[in-house]
N, C-alpha and C. Protein backbone atom coordinates (compact mmCIF):
# COMPACT_ATOMS: atom_id res chain seq x y z
N UNK A 1 66.03 107.79 78.86
CA UNK A 1 67.08 107.04 79.51
C UNK A 1 68.39 107.83 79.50
N UNK A 2 68.69 108.43 78.34
CA UNK A 2 69.92 109.20 78.23
C UNK A 2 69.90 110.40 79.18
N UNK A 3 68.73 111.02 79.33
CA UNK A 3 68.59 112.17 80.23
C UNK A 3 68.82 111.75 81.68
N UNK A 4 68.31 110.57 82.06
CA UNK A 4 68.51 110.07 83.43
C UNK A 4 69.99 109.78 83.67
N UNK A 5 70.66 109.19 82.67
CA UNK A 5 72.07 108.89 82.81
C UNK A 5 72.89 110.18 82.97
N UNK A 6 72.56 111.21 82.17
CA UNK A 6 73.27 112.48 82.28
C UNK A 6 73.04 113.11 83.66
N UNK A 7 71.81 113.03 84.17
CA UNK A 7 71.53 113.57 85.50
C UNK A 7 72.31 112.81 86.57
N UNK A 8 72.40 111.51 86.42
CA UNK A 8 73.13 110.69 87.37
C UNK A 8 74.62 111.06 87.36
N UNK A 9 75.21 111.19 86.17
CA UNK A 9 76.62 111.56 86.05
C UNK A 9 76.85 112.96 86.63
N UNK A 10 75.97 113.90 86.29
CA UNK A 10 76.10 115.26 86.80
C UNK A 10 76.00 115.28 88.32
N UNK A 11 75.02 114.54 88.85
CA UNK A 11 74.85 114.48 90.31
C UNK A 11 76.06 113.88 91.00
N UNK A 12 76.65 112.84 90.40
CA UNK A 12 77.85 112.23 90.98
C UNK A 12 79.01 113.22 90.95
N UNK A 13 79.13 113.96 89.86
CA UNK A 13 80.22 114.96 89.76
C UNK A 13 80.06 116.05 90.79
N UNK A 14 78.84 116.53 91.00
CA UNK A 14 78.58 117.56 92.01
C UNK A 14 78.90 117.02 93.40
N UNK A 15 78.46 115.78 93.68
CA UNK A 15 78.73 115.18 94.99
C UNK A 15 80.23 115.01 95.22
N UNK A 16 80.95 114.54 94.19
CA UNK A 16 82.40 114.35 94.32
C UNK A 16 83.09 115.69 94.55
N UNK A 17 82.65 116.73 93.83
CA UNK A 17 83.24 118.05 94.00
C UNK A 17 82.98 118.57 95.41
N UNK A 18 81.76 118.37 95.90
CA UNK A 18 81.43 118.82 97.26
C UNK A 18 82.28 118.09 98.28
N UNK A 19 82.46 116.78 98.12
CA UNK A 19 83.28 116.03 99.07
C UNK A 19 84.73 116.50 99.00
N UNK A 20 85.21 116.77 97.81
CA UNK A 20 86.58 117.25 97.65
C UNK A 20 86.77 118.57 98.39
N UNK A 21 85.85 119.48 98.21
CA UNK A 21 85.98 120.78 98.87
C UNK A 21 85.84 120.66 100.38
N UNK A 22 84.96 119.79 100.85
CA UNK A 22 84.83 119.60 102.30
C UNK A 22 86.13 119.06 102.86
N UNK A 23 86.73 118.06 102.17
CA UNK A 23 87.97 117.51 102.72
C UNK A 23 89.08 118.55 102.68
N UNK A 24 89.08 119.42 101.67
CA UNK A 24 90.10 120.45 101.63
C UNK A 24 89.92 121.46 102.75
N UNK A 25 88.70 121.74 103.12
CA UNK A 25 88.43 122.72 104.16
C UNK A 25 88.78 122.15 105.53
N UNK A 26 88.43 120.89 105.77
CA UNK A 26 88.55 120.34 107.11
C UNK A 26 89.85 119.57 107.36
N UNK A 27 90.44 119.01 106.34
CA UNK A 27 91.69 118.27 106.55
C UNK A 27 92.81 119.25 106.83
N UNK A 28 93.81 118.80 107.56
CA UNK A 28 94.96 119.65 107.82
C UNK A 28 96.12 119.15 106.97
N UNK A 29 96.95 120.04 106.53
CA UNK A 29 98.11 119.64 105.74
C UNK A 29 99.37 120.13 106.43
N UNK A 30 100.47 119.52 106.05
CA UNK A 30 101.74 119.90 106.64
C UNK A 30 102.32 121.14 105.98
N UNK A 31 103.29 121.73 106.65
CA UNK A 31 104.05 122.83 106.08
C UNK A 31 105.44 122.79 106.70
N UNK A 32 106.45 123.11 105.90
CA UNK A 32 107.81 123.04 106.41
C UNK A 32 108.21 121.63 106.77
N UNK A 33 107.60 120.66 106.07
CA UNK A 33 107.79 119.24 106.39
C UNK A 33 107.90 118.45 105.09
N UNK A 34 108.80 117.48 105.04
CA UNK A 34 108.89 116.58 103.89
C UNK A 34 109.19 115.17 104.37
N UNK A 35 108.78 114.20 103.56
CA UNK A 35 109.00 112.80 103.88
C UNK A 35 109.53 112.10 102.63
N UNK A 36 110.61 111.36 102.79
CA UNK A 36 111.25 110.66 101.69
C UNK A 36 111.31 109.17 102.00
N UNK A 37 110.86 108.34 101.06
CA UNK A 37 110.96 106.89 101.23
C UNK A 37 112.39 106.47 100.92
N UNK A 38 113.08 105.92 101.92
CA UNK A 38 114.44 105.43 101.71
C UNK A 38 114.43 104.01 101.18
N UNK A 39 113.54 103.18 101.70
CA UNK A 39 113.40 101.79 101.28
C UNK A 39 111.96 101.36 101.45
N UNK A 40 111.54 100.40 100.64
CA UNK A 40 110.23 99.79 100.82
C UNK A 40 110.29 98.36 100.31
N UNK A 41 109.42 97.54 100.86
CA UNK A 41 109.36 96.14 100.45
C UNK A 41 108.03 95.53 100.83
N UNK A 42 107.73 94.39 100.25
CA UNK A 42 106.46 93.72 100.50
C UNK A 42 106.71 92.36 101.14
N UNK A 43 105.91 92.07 102.15
CA UNK A 43 105.94 90.78 102.84
C UNK A 43 104.63 90.05 102.61
N UNK A 44 104.67 88.73 102.67
CA UNK A 44 103.45 87.94 102.71
C UNK A 44 102.94 87.92 104.14
N UNK A 45 102.12 86.93 104.48
CA UNK A 45 101.63 86.81 105.86
C UNK A 45 102.80 86.80 106.84
N UNK A 46 102.61 87.45 107.96
CA UNK A 46 103.64 87.49 109.00
C UNK A 46 103.04 86.88 110.26
N UNK A 47 103.77 85.95 110.85
CA UNK A 47 103.35 85.34 112.10
C UNK A 47 104.60 85.12 112.94
N UNK A 48 104.94 86.07 113.77
CA UNK A 48 106.17 86.02 114.55
C UNK A 48 105.83 86.18 116.02
N UNK A 49 106.51 85.44 116.85
CA UNK A 49 106.40 85.60 118.29
C UNK A 49 107.79 85.37 118.87
N UNK A 50 108.27 86.26 119.69
CA UNK A 50 109.58 86.12 120.34
C UNK A 50 109.39 86.19 121.83
N UNK A 51 110.21 85.46 122.54
CA UNK A 51 110.20 85.54 124.00
C UNK A 51 111.63 85.36 124.48
N UNK A 52 112.08 86.28 125.29
CA UNK A 52 113.44 86.21 125.80
C UNK A 52 113.38 86.27 127.30
N UNK A 53 113.89 85.26 127.96
CA UNK A 53 113.85 85.20 129.42
C UNK A 53 115.27 84.97 129.93
N UNK A 54 116.03 86.04 130.08
CA UNK A 54 117.41 85.86 130.59
C UNK A 54 117.40 85.39 132.04
N UNK A 55 118.52 84.95 132.47
CA UNK A 55 118.67 84.43 133.82
C UNK A 55 118.26 85.44 134.89
N UNK A 56 118.24 86.72 134.56
CA UNK A 56 117.88 87.73 135.54
C UNK A 56 116.38 87.74 135.83
N UNK A 57 115.60 87.00 135.05
CA UNK A 57 114.17 86.96 135.27
C UNK A 57 113.39 88.00 134.49
N UNK A 58 114.10 88.85 133.75
CA UNK A 58 113.41 89.84 132.93
C UNK A 58 112.81 89.16 131.71
N UNK A 59 111.64 89.63 131.32
CA UNK A 59 110.94 89.03 130.18
C UNK A 59 110.78 90.08 129.10
N UNK A 60 111.08 89.71 127.87
CA UNK A 60 110.86 90.56 126.71
C UNK A 60 110.04 89.76 125.71
N UNK A 61 108.93 90.31 125.28
CA UNK A 61 108.05 89.62 124.34
C UNK A 61 107.82 90.51 123.14
N UNK A 62 107.77 89.93 121.97
CA UNK A 62 107.48 90.66 120.74
C UNK A 62 106.51 89.83 119.92
N UNK A 63 105.49 90.47 119.37
CA UNK A 63 104.50 89.74 118.60
C UNK A 63 104.08 90.57 117.40
N UNK A 64 104.00 89.96 116.24
CA UNK A 64 103.53 90.63 115.03
C UNK A 64 102.81 89.59 114.20
N UNK A 65 101.56 89.84 113.89
CA UNK A 65 100.81 88.89 113.08
C UNK A 65 99.97 89.66 112.07
N UNK A 66 100.06 89.26 110.81
CA UNK A 66 99.25 89.86 109.77
C UNK A 66 98.60 88.76 108.94
N UNK A 67 97.51 89.10 108.29
CA UNK A 67 96.89 88.21 107.32
C UNK A 67 96.90 88.94 106.00
N UNK A 68 97.49 88.33 105.00
CA UNK A 68 97.63 89.00 103.72
C UNK A 68 98.92 89.77 103.65
N UNK A 69 99.25 90.28 102.47
CA UNK A 69 100.53 90.98 102.30
C UNK A 69 100.58 92.32 103.01
N UNK A 70 101.79 92.72 103.35
CA UNK A 70 102.06 94.00 104.04
C UNK A 70 103.17 94.74 103.33
N UNK A 71 103.11 96.06 103.36
CA UNK A 71 104.18 96.89 102.83
C UNK A 71 104.97 97.47 103.99
N UNK A 72 106.30 97.40 103.90
CA UNK A 72 107.19 97.96 104.90
C UNK A 72 107.88 99.17 104.29
N UNK A 73 107.89 100.27 105.02
CA UNK A 73 108.53 101.51 104.57
C UNK A 73 109.55 101.97 105.58
N UNK A 74 110.66 102.49 105.08
CA UNK A 74 111.64 103.21 105.88
C UNK A 74 111.60 104.64 105.37
N UNK A 75 111.12 105.56 106.20
CA UNK A 75 110.90 106.96 105.81
C UNK A 75 111.86 107.88 106.54
N UNK A 76 112.41 108.84 105.83
CA UNK A 76 113.15 109.92 106.47
C UNK A 76 112.25 111.14 106.45
N UNK A 77 111.96 111.68 107.61
CA UNK A 77 111.08 112.84 107.76
C UNK A 77 111.92 114.04 108.20
N UNK A 78 111.68 115.18 107.56
CA UNK A 78 112.44 116.39 107.86
C UNK A 78 111.47 117.54 108.12
N UNK A 79 111.71 118.26 109.23
CA UNK A 79 110.94 119.45 109.58
C UNK A 79 111.88 120.64 109.57
N UNK A 80 111.49 121.68 108.91
CA UNK A 80 112.20 122.95 109.04
C UNK A 80 111.76 123.57 110.37
N UNK A 81 112.43 124.59 110.83
CA UNK A 81 112.03 125.28 112.06
C UNK A 81 110.57 125.70 111.92
N UNK A 82 109.74 125.33 112.89
CA UNK A 82 108.32 125.67 112.85
C UNK A 82 107.47 124.77 111.97
N UNK A 83 108.07 123.75 111.36
CA UNK A 83 107.34 122.86 110.46
C UNK A 83 106.37 121.94 111.19
N UNK A 84 105.39 121.43 110.46
CA UNK A 84 104.37 120.54 111.02
C UNK A 84 103.92 119.51 110.00
N UNK A 85 103.57 118.32 110.49
CA UNK A 85 103.04 117.28 109.61
C UNK A 85 101.58 117.53 109.26
N UNK A 86 100.88 118.34 110.05
CA UNK A 86 99.43 118.40 109.95
C UNK A 86 98.85 117.17 110.65
N UNK A 87 97.57 117.24 110.99
CA UNK A 87 96.92 116.11 111.67
C UNK A 87 96.76 114.97 110.66
N UNK A 88 97.14 113.76 111.08
CA UNK A 88 97.06 112.61 110.19
C UNK A 88 97.07 111.31 111.00
N UNK A 89 96.90 110.20 110.29
CA UNK A 89 97.04 108.89 110.87
C UNK A 89 97.69 107.99 109.83
N UNK A 90 97.95 106.75 110.21
CA UNK A 90 98.51 105.74 109.31
C UNK A 90 97.71 104.45 109.54
N UNK A 91 97.62 103.58 108.53
CA UNK A 91 96.86 102.35 108.71
C UNK A 91 97.57 101.32 109.58
N UNK A 92 98.82 101.53 109.90
CA UNK A 92 99.58 100.64 110.78
C UNK A 92 100.46 101.47 111.70
N UNK A 93 101.20 100.78 112.55
CA UNK A 93 102.04 101.50 113.52
C UNK A 93 103.37 101.91 112.90
N UNK A 94 104.02 102.87 113.55
CA UNK A 94 105.33 103.35 113.13
C UNK A 94 106.27 103.35 114.33
N UNK A 95 107.49 102.91 114.10
CA UNK A 95 108.55 102.99 115.10
C UNK A 95 109.43 104.15 114.65
N UNK A 96 109.60 105.16 115.51
CA UNK A 96 110.22 106.42 115.10
C UNK A 96 111.47 106.69 115.93
N UNK A 97 112.55 107.07 115.24
CA UNK A 97 113.82 107.42 115.87
C UNK A 97 114.15 108.86 115.49
N UNK A 98 114.42 109.70 116.47
CA UNK A 98 114.80 111.08 116.19
C UNK A 98 116.30 111.09 115.91
N UNK A 99 116.68 111.53 114.71
CA UNK A 99 118.08 111.51 114.30
C UNK A 99 118.74 112.89 114.33
N UNK A 100 117.92 113.94 114.42
CA UNK A 100 118.46 115.31 114.47
C UNK A 100 117.41 116.23 115.08
N UNK A 101 117.83 117.12 115.96
CA UNK A 101 116.94 118.13 116.51
C UNK A 101 115.91 117.57 117.49
N UNK A 102 114.76 118.26 117.54
CA UNK A 102 113.70 117.93 118.49
C UNK A 102 112.35 118.05 117.80
N UNK A 103 111.47 117.05 118.03
CA UNK A 103 110.10 117.11 117.52
C UNK A 103 109.13 116.97 118.69
N UNK A 104 107.93 117.50 118.52
CA UNK A 104 106.90 117.42 119.55
C UNK A 104 105.67 116.77 118.94
N UNK A 105 105.19 115.71 119.60
CA UNK A 105 104.06 114.92 119.13
C UNK A 105 102.84 115.23 120.01
N UNK A 106 101.68 115.44 119.37
CA UNK A 106 100.43 115.67 120.07
C UNK A 106 99.42 114.64 119.59
N UNK A 107 98.66 114.07 120.52
CA UNK A 107 97.68 113.05 120.21
C UNK A 107 96.29 113.66 120.05
N UNK A 108 95.56 113.25 119.05
CA UNK A 108 94.24 113.80 118.76
C UNK A 108 93.18 113.48 119.80
N UNK A 109 93.39 112.41 120.59
CA UNK A 109 92.39 112.04 121.60
C UNK A 109 92.76 112.52 123.00
N UNK A 110 93.78 113.36 123.11
CA UNK A 110 94.21 113.89 124.41
C UNK A 110 93.53 115.24 124.66
N UNK A 111 92.54 115.31 125.54
CA UNK A 111 91.82 116.56 125.75
C UNK A 111 92.69 117.68 126.33
N UNK A 112 93.83 117.34 126.93
CA UNK A 112 94.70 118.36 127.50
C UNK A 112 95.80 118.80 126.53
N UNK A 113 95.88 118.17 125.34
CA UNK A 113 96.87 118.53 124.32
C UNK A 113 98.29 118.52 124.92
N UNK A 114 98.62 117.47 125.64
CA UNK A 114 99.92 117.34 126.29
C UNK A 114 101.02 117.13 125.25
N UNK A 115 102.05 117.98 125.24
CA UNK A 115 103.15 117.79 124.30
C UNK A 115 104.06 116.64 124.73
N UNK A 116 104.46 115.82 123.78
CA UNK A 116 105.43 114.75 124.01
C UNK A 116 106.66 115.13 123.20
N UNK A 117 107.73 115.53 123.90
CA UNK A 117 108.91 116.09 123.26
C UNK A 117 109.98 115.00 123.14
N UNK A 118 110.52 114.85 121.92
CA UNK A 118 111.55 113.85 121.64
C UNK A 118 112.73 114.53 120.96
N UNK A 119 113.92 114.29 121.51
CA UNK A 119 115.15 114.89 120.97
C UNK A 119 116.04 113.82 120.35
N UNK A 120 117.07 114.27 119.66
CA UNK A 120 118.00 113.37 118.98
C UNK A 120 118.40 112.22 119.89
N UNK A 121 118.30 111.01 119.35
CA UNK A 121 118.65 109.80 120.10
C UNK A 121 117.46 109.14 120.77
N UNK A 122 116.33 109.84 120.87
CA UNK A 122 115.14 109.28 121.51
C UNK A 122 114.27 108.56 120.46
N UNK A 123 113.41 107.68 120.94
CA UNK A 123 112.50 106.93 120.08
C UNK A 123 111.08 107.02 120.63
N UNK A 124 110.10 106.79 119.75
CA UNK A 124 108.71 106.69 120.19
C UNK A 124 107.91 105.88 119.18
N UNK A 125 106.72 105.48 119.58
CA UNK A 125 105.84 104.66 118.74
C UNK A 125 104.59 105.46 118.40
N UNK A 126 104.24 105.46 117.14
CA UNK A 126 102.95 105.98 116.69
C UNK A 126 102.09 104.76 116.44
N UNK A 127 101.04 104.59 117.23
CA UNK A 127 100.24 103.38 117.14
C UNK A 127 99.44 103.26 115.85
N UNK A 128 99.16 104.38 115.19
CA UNK A 128 98.41 104.33 113.93
C UNK A 128 97.01 103.79 114.14
N UNK A 129 96.35 103.48 113.05
CA UNK A 129 94.99 102.95 113.10
C UNK A 129 93.96 104.04 112.85
N UNK A 130 92.79 103.63 112.48
CA UNK A 130 91.77 104.60 112.07
C UNK A 130 91.23 105.45 113.21
N UNK A 131 91.44 105.04 114.46
CA UNK A 131 90.94 105.83 115.59
C UNK A 131 92.06 106.65 116.25
N UNK A 132 93.21 106.68 115.62
CA UNK A 132 94.35 107.40 116.21
C UNK A 132 94.83 108.49 115.26
N UNK A 133 94.77 109.72 115.72
CA UNK A 133 95.29 110.85 114.93
C UNK A 133 96.36 111.54 115.76
N UNK A 134 97.36 112.08 115.06
CA UNK A 134 98.39 112.84 115.77
C UNK A 134 98.98 113.88 114.82
N UNK A 135 99.75 114.77 115.41
CA UNK A 135 100.47 115.79 114.67
C UNK A 135 101.87 115.86 115.28
N UNK A 136 102.88 115.97 114.42
CA UNK A 136 104.24 116.14 114.90
C UNK A 136 104.73 117.49 114.40
N UNK A 137 105.25 118.28 115.34
CA UNK A 137 105.68 119.65 115.03
C UNK A 137 107.14 119.84 115.44
N UNK A 138 107.80 120.74 114.75
CA UNK A 138 109.12 121.18 115.17
C UNK A 138 108.93 122.56 115.78
N UNK A 139 108.95 122.63 117.07
CA UNK A 139 108.71 123.89 117.78
C UNK A 139 110.01 124.57 118.18
N UNK A 140 111.08 124.23 117.46
CA UNK A 140 112.38 124.83 117.74
C UNK A 140 112.80 125.71 116.56
N UNK A 141 113.97 126.32 116.69
CA UNK A 141 114.48 127.19 115.65
C UNK A 141 115.45 126.52 114.68
N UNK A 142 115.59 125.18 114.77
CA UNK A 142 116.51 124.49 113.87
C UNK A 142 115.85 123.24 113.29
N UNK A 143 116.44 122.70 112.24
CA UNK A 143 115.88 121.54 111.54
C UNK A 143 115.81 120.32 112.45
N UNK A 144 114.82 119.45 112.19
CA UNK A 144 114.68 118.19 112.92
C UNK A 144 114.45 117.07 111.90
N UNK A 145 114.94 115.87 112.23
CA UNK A 145 114.74 114.72 111.36
C UNK A 145 114.44 113.48 112.17
N UNK A 146 113.65 112.59 111.55
CA UNK A 146 113.39 111.28 112.14
C UNK A 146 113.50 110.22 111.04
N UNK A 147 113.67 108.99 111.48
CA UNK A 147 113.53 107.82 110.61
C UNK A 147 112.35 107.05 111.18
N UNK A 148 111.40 106.70 110.32
CA UNK A 148 110.23 105.94 110.75
C UNK A 148 110.17 104.62 109.98
N UNK A 149 109.92 103.55 110.70
CA UNK A 149 109.71 102.23 110.11
C UNK A 149 108.22 101.97 110.22
N UNK A 150 107.56 101.74 109.07
CA UNK A 150 106.11 101.57 109.06
C UNK A 150 105.74 100.26 108.38
N UNK A 151 104.83 99.52 108.99
CA UNK A 151 104.27 98.30 108.41
C UNK A 151 102.78 98.53 108.24
N UNK A 152 102.30 98.44 106.99
CA UNK A 152 100.89 98.72 106.70
C UNK A 152 100.35 97.67 105.75
N UNK A 153 99.03 97.54 105.63
CA UNK A 153 98.46 96.61 104.65
C UNK A 153 98.95 96.94 103.24
N UNK A 154 99.26 95.92 102.46
CA UNK A 154 99.77 96.11 101.10
C UNK A 154 98.82 96.99 100.29
N UNK A 155 99.40 97.98 99.63
CA UNK A 155 98.63 98.86 98.75
C UNK A 155 97.88 99.97 99.45
N UNK A 156 97.90 100.01 100.77
CA UNK A 156 97.18 101.06 101.51
C UNK A 156 97.93 102.38 101.40
N UNK A 157 97.19 103.48 101.55
CA UNK A 157 97.84 104.79 101.63
C UNK A 157 98.65 104.83 102.91
N UNK A 158 99.90 105.25 102.81
CA UNK A 158 100.80 105.26 103.96
C UNK A 158 100.42 106.33 104.98
N UNK A 159 99.88 107.44 104.50
CA UNK A 159 99.50 108.56 105.37
C UNK A 159 98.09 108.99 104.99
N UNK A 160 97.27 109.28 106.00
CA UNK A 160 95.89 109.70 105.78
C UNK A 160 95.68 111.01 106.55
N UNK A 161 95.49 112.12 105.82
CA UNK A 161 95.21 113.40 106.47
C UNK A 161 93.83 113.33 107.13
N UNK A 162 93.72 113.92 108.32
CA UNK A 162 92.45 113.91 109.05
C UNK A 162 92.12 115.33 109.51
N UNK A 163 90.86 115.56 109.83
CA UNK A 163 90.47 116.89 110.34
C UNK A 163 91.13 117.19 111.68
N UNK A 164 91.30 118.45 111.95
CA UNK A 164 91.81 118.88 113.25
C UNK A 164 90.80 118.45 114.31
N UNK A 165 91.23 117.66 115.31
CA UNK A 165 90.28 117.19 116.32
C UNK A 165 89.82 118.27 117.27
N UNK A 166 90.46 119.44 117.25
CA UNK A 166 90.01 120.56 118.06
C UNK A 166 90.46 120.56 119.50
N UNK A 167 91.35 119.66 119.87
CA UNK A 167 91.79 119.59 121.27
C UNK A 167 93.02 120.45 121.56
N UNK A 168 93.65 120.98 120.52
CA UNK A 168 94.85 121.81 120.71
C UNK A 168 94.58 123.23 120.19
N UNK A 169 95.23 124.22 120.76
CA UNK A 169 94.96 125.61 120.38
C UNK A 169 95.56 126.03 119.03
N UNK A 170 96.27 125.15 118.37
CA UNK A 170 96.87 125.49 117.07
C UNK A 170 96.09 124.84 115.94
């Protein structure tokens, strides 16, 4: 019995080591990039719906619904010239504001690897989710910064590194 237990433990250790090395080989990591949490907080269930119909006939709708607690993060992201986040995803969406410089976002499911360029004062949405991967790069010669507001399931990893999807030449 003891021999079987030792073999089981050894086999699990070998499997864990192999998985670790595979993820290190295939996952992409950032360079010249840092992220700092400015604020964070926890919410219970969220059930919000807004509708604004001004006299002009324009309609604005906002909807957010969660079951169970959620963590909210306010992140300051900084890229040095040539910096990159590496390919990654998030378990929830992010609302992103460029506060300095210019960043370029590439989507993992875009076969043409179309660059989406955002400069200071511009905003964009990262939809997040397990089927969405992206990379944000600073392809300029000066520093770039963003502020990201992220809402994710409570206790979840805020960032998940993913393998390079192979659709971009970098």
